Every structure is written in C-alpha cells, then in structure tokens.
C-alpha cells in the first residue's frame, strides 16, 4: 500500500524537477555571470524536457494521471519551455530595437499559455493540437545555443529578424489546429 502511494508520487516529483530546472535556467539567465552561461542554461532546459517526457510516461505507466498533476505539469512547462527560453533569447539578443524582440517574446509566452490551456481542457490521447510548448521551447533553446556557437556575423537587423521570425513561427504553430502525433 505504501509502495503504491510512493510510486504514484513519482510523476509529480519529476514535474517539480522540471519546474526547478526551468526556474534555475531563468535565474542563470538574469543573474549569474559565468563563462559557460549559455551551455548551462541550454542544459537545464534540455534536462527539463527529459523530466517532462519522463513525468508523462510515469503518470501513464503507474496509472497516476490526476487533474492536479496535469495542472502542475502545465505550470512547469510554462516556466521551463515558455519563460526560460525567452530569458535565453534576451540574453543572446544583441539588440532589441526596443519592442520587436520584446513583443515577439510576449507573443511566444502567450501562445504557450493558450496552448497549455487548450491541452488541459481537452483529451489528447493519440495526438496534440498545435505544437506542444515543450517542442517549441526546446527548438528556441537549440536555436539560441547554435546561434552563439556558430557566431554568425550578420547585421544586427538580420539577427533580430531571424530570431523574431522563429519566435513568431513557433507561436503560430503552438496556437494552430495542426495535429501533432504523440511520441510517448
């Protein structure tokens, strides 16, 4: 009996790990000065993605799917794959032209919130509607890491245009009605 209760806590524990990784990534982005800052933030978000996949798998495997778990998962996903990647974008962004990166950042987070709300209100057992925020956040994170690793020397306007275009595209895919098959 006790073992069963402990096993049913595993998914929520993994979700909290995801949340902590996201919060830590945000804190690194806004506070810490470290030579490997980009690598650390990227690793934290990618580890959050692993925890996110694992929590869903564990919830289904242990028959521990709950409304509280679903809500907790959405809050963790918003932090780790909505806000943390935007903190990373604003860390690597050479310039904002005050507004364009900020507005597209807000659009990305709001699209993610809408996507999570839609997910929580419906049953998506075989497919998702719209790009999951996890996929969008990981894509944006990997873009930021590659952007800095490659050190593309584009004019600042082109830099911002590529970054903003990617954020807008991901935002549109999150709120779209496109069916995305579940992998796990």
Protein backbone atom coordinates (compact mmCIF):
# COMPACT_ATOMS: atom_id res chain seq x y z
CA UNK A 1 0.00 0.00 0.00
CA UNK A 2 2.71 2.48 1.00
CA UNK A 3 4.84 1.46 -2.01
CA UNK A 4 1.87 2.14 -4.30
CA UNK A 5 1.44 5.65 -2.84
CA UNK A 6 5.14 6.40 -3.24
CA UNK A 7 5.11 5.17 -6.87
CA UNK A 8 2.12 7.40 -7.62
CA UNK A 9 4.16 10.41 -6.41
CA UNK A 10 6.92 9.80 -8.98
CA UNK A 11 5.23 11.73 -11.85
CA UNK A 12 4.66 14.85 -9.73
CA UNK A 13 8.21 14.61 -8.37
CA UNK A 14 9.54 14.58 -11.95
CA UNK A 15 7.30 17.55 -12.79
CA UNK A 16 8.71 19.50 -9.85
CA UNK A 17 12.22 18.63 -11.06
CA UNK A 18 11.23 20.09 -14.47
CA UNK A 19 9.95 23.24 -12.73
CA UNK A 20 13.13 23.64 -10.66
CA UNK A 21 15.29 23.23 -13.76
CA UNK A 22 13.28 25.95 -15.53
CA UNK A 23 13.48 28.36 -12.62
CA UNK A 24 17.21 27.73 -12.31
CA UNK A 25 17.67 28.41 -16.05
CA UNK A 26 15.86 31.74 -15.66
CA UNK A 27 17.97 32.70 -12.65
CA UNK A 28 21.16 31.85 -14.56
CA UNK A 29 19.97 34.00 -17.48
CA UNK A 30 19.23 37.06 -15.38
CA UNK A 31 21.75 36.88 -12.54
CA UNK A 32 24.78 34.70 -13.00
CA UNK A 33 27.89 35.76 -14.88
CA UNK A 34 29.68 32.61 -15.92
CA UNK A 35 31.80 31.77 -18.97
CA UNK A 36 29.58 28.75 -19.71
CA UNK A 37 26.29 30.54 -19.03
CA UNK A 38 24.77 29.66 -22.42
CA UNK A 39 25.72 25.99 -22.10
CA UNK A 40 24.35 25.79 -18.55
CA UNK A 41 21.00 27.39 -19.45
CA UNK A 42 20.67 25.17 -22.53
CA UNK A 43 21.47 22.05 -20.49
CA UNK A 44 18.94 22.99 -17.79
CA UNK A 45 16.15 23.44 -20.36
CA UNK A 46 17.04 20.20 -22.16
CA UNK A 47 17.14 18.32 -18.84
CA UNK A 48 13.72 19.84 -18.14
CA UNK A 49 12.50 18.31 -21.42
CA UNK A 50 13.73 14.90 -20.32
CA UNK A 51 11.95 15.30 -16.98
CA UNK A 52 8.79 16.42 -18.83
CA UNK A 53 8.76 13.33 -21.04
CA UNK A 54 9.52 11.11 -18.04
CA UNK A 55 6.72 12.56 -15.88
CA UNK A 56 4.09 11.90 -18.54
CA UNK A 57 5.40 8.40 -19.15
CA UNK A 58 5.48 7.65 -15.40
CA UNK A 59 1.95 9.02 -14.89
CA UNK A 60 0.57 6.70 -17.58
CA UNK A 61 2.69 3.69 -16.57
CA UNK A 62 1.82 3.93 -12.86
CA UNK A 63 -1.80 4.88 -13.55
CA UNK A 64 -1.18 8.13 -11.68
CA UNK A 65 -2.75 10.64 -14.08
CA UNK A 66 -4.51 13.29 -11.98
CA UNK A 67 -6.01 16.73 -12.53
CA UNK A 68 -3.50 18.20 -10.09
CA UNK A 69 -0.64 16.52 -11.96
CA UNK A 70 -1.90 17.86 -15.28
CA UNK A 71 -2.10 21.42 -13.92
CA UNK A 72 1.29 21.16 -12.21
CA UNK A 73 2.80 19.88 -15.45
CA UNK A 74 1.40 22.85 -17.37
CA UNK A 75 2.81 25.36 -14.89
CA UNK A 76 6.21 23.64 -15.01
CA UNK A 77 6.12 23.60 -18.83
CA UNK A 78 5.26 27.29 -18.95
CA UNK A 79 8.29 28.12 -16.82
CA UNK A 80 10.78 25.72 -18.45
CA UNK A 81 9.69 25.93 -22.09
CA UNK A 82 7.93 29.29 -22.22
CA UNK A 83 9.74 31.72 -19.93
CA UNK A 84 13.25 30.18 -19.69
CA UNK A 85 13.82 30.12 -23.48
CA UNK A 86 12.66 33.75 -23.66
CA UNK A 87 15.17 34.65 -20.92
CA UNK A 88 17.79 32.92 -23.06
CA UNK A 89 16.71 34.82 -26.19
CA UNK A 90 17.02 38.09 -24.32
CA UNK A 91 20.45 37.05 -23.02
CA UNK A 92 21.84 36.32 -26.51
CA UNK A 93 19.93 39.03 -28.36
CA UNK A 94 22.40 41.69 -29.45
CA UNK A 95 19.72 44.34 -29.70
CA UNK A 96 16.01 44.72 -29.20
CA UNK A 97 15.13 47.87 -31.14
CA UNK A 98 13.00 48.19 -28.09
CA UNK A 99 9.98 46.33 -28.96
CA UNK A 100 10.44 43.76 -31.68
CA UNK A 101 12.18 41.09 -29.59
CA UNK A 102 10.10 42.04 -26.55
CA UNK A 103 6.80 41.82 -28.44
CA UNK A 104 7.70 38.51 -30.07
CA UNK A 105 8.84 37.21 -26.66
CA UNK A 106 5.46 38.14 -25.18
CA UNK A 107 3.73 36.53 -28.16
CA UNK A 108 5.70 33.31 -27.63
CA UNK A 109 4.80 33.08 -23.94
CA UNK A 110 1.13 33.97 -24.54
CA UNK A 111 0.86 31.38 -27.33
CA UNK A 112 2.38 28.84 -24.95
CA UNK A 113 -0.17 29.71 -22.26
CA UNK A 114 -3.02 29.36 -24.75
CA UNK A 115 -1.63 26.03 -25.95
CA UNK A 116 -1.38 24.71 -22.38
CA UNK A 117 -4.92 25.85 -21.52
CA UNK A 118 -6.30 24.14 -24.63
CA UNK A 119 -4.41 20.97 -23.70
CA UNK A 120 -5.75 21.00 -20.13
CA UNK A 121 -9.36 21.40 -21.26
CA UNK A 122 -9.39 18.51 -23.73
CA UNK A 123 -8.36 14.89 -24.00
CA UNK A 124 -5.42 14.35 -26.32
CA UNK A 125 -4.58 10.67 -26.08
CA UNK A 126 -3.40 10.00 -29.65
CA UNK A 127 -2.33 13.42 -30.84
CA UNK A 128 -1.88 17.02 -29.78
CA UNK A 129 -3.49 20.01 -31.42
CA UNK A 130 -0.79 22.55 -32.14
CA UNK A 131 2.90 22.28 -31.43
CA UNK A 132 3.49 21.37 -27.76
CA UNK A 133 5.22 24.11 -25.78
CA UNK A 134 7.96 21.63 -24.89
CA UNK A 135 8.88 21.23 -28.57
CA UNK A 136 8.66 24.98 -29.19
CA UNK A 137 10.81 25.81 -26.15
CA UNK A 138 13.44 23.19 -26.98
CA UNK A 139 13.57 24.42 -30.60
CA UNK A 140 14.07 28.02 -29.48
CA UNK A 141 16.70 26.94 -26.93
CA UNK A 142 18.67 24.94 -29.50
CA UNK A 143 18.47 27.87 -31.93
CA UNK A 144 19.94 30.18 -29.27
CA UNK A 145 22.74 27.73 -28.49
CA UNK A 146 23.60 27.23 -32.17
CA UNK A 147 23.37 30.96 -32.80
CA UNK A 148 26.03 31.67 -30.18
CA UNK A 149 28.20 28.66 -31.02
CA UNK A 150 28.33 29.49 -34.73
CA UNK A 151 28.83 33.22 -34.05
CA UNK A 152 27.09 34.29 -37.19
CA UNK A 153 28.24 37.80 -38.08
CA UNK A 154 25.05 39.20 -39.53
CA UNK A 155 23.99 42.81 -39.28
CA UNK A 156 22.00 43.41 -36.09
CA UNK A 157 18.76 43.88 -38.03
CA UNK A 158 19.17 40.49 -39.71
CA UNK A 159 19.98 38.89 -36.33
CA UNK A 160 16.80 40.22 -34.80
CA UNK A 161 14.74 39.35 -37.88
CA UNK A 162 15.78 35.69 -37.80
CA UNK A 163 15.20 35.39 -34.04
CA UNK A 164 11.86 37.19 -34.15
CA UNK A 165 10.72 35.21 -37.20
CA UNK A 166 11.46 31.93 -35.42
CA UNK A 167 9.58 33.03 -32.29
CA UNK A 168 6.57 34.16 -34.32
CA UNK A 169 6.57 30.94 -36.35
CA UNK A 170 6.75 28.77 -33.22
CA UNK A 171 3.98 30.86 -31.62
CA UNK A 172 1.73 30.34 -34.63
CA UNK A 173 2.40 26.60 -34.63
CA UNK A 174 1.54 26.39 -30.91
CA UNK A 175 -1.87 28.01 -31.40
CA UNK A 176 -2.57 26.28 -34.72
CA UNK A 177 -5.02 23.41 -35.23
CA UNK A 178 -2.31 21.21 -36.75
CA UNK A 179 -2.44 17.67 -35.37
CA UNK A 180 0.87 16.54 -33.91
CA UNK A 181 1.26 12.83 -33.14
CA UNK A 182 2.37 11.91 -29.63
CA UNK A 183 5.75 10.22 -29.49
CA UNK A 184 5.48 8.86 -25.95
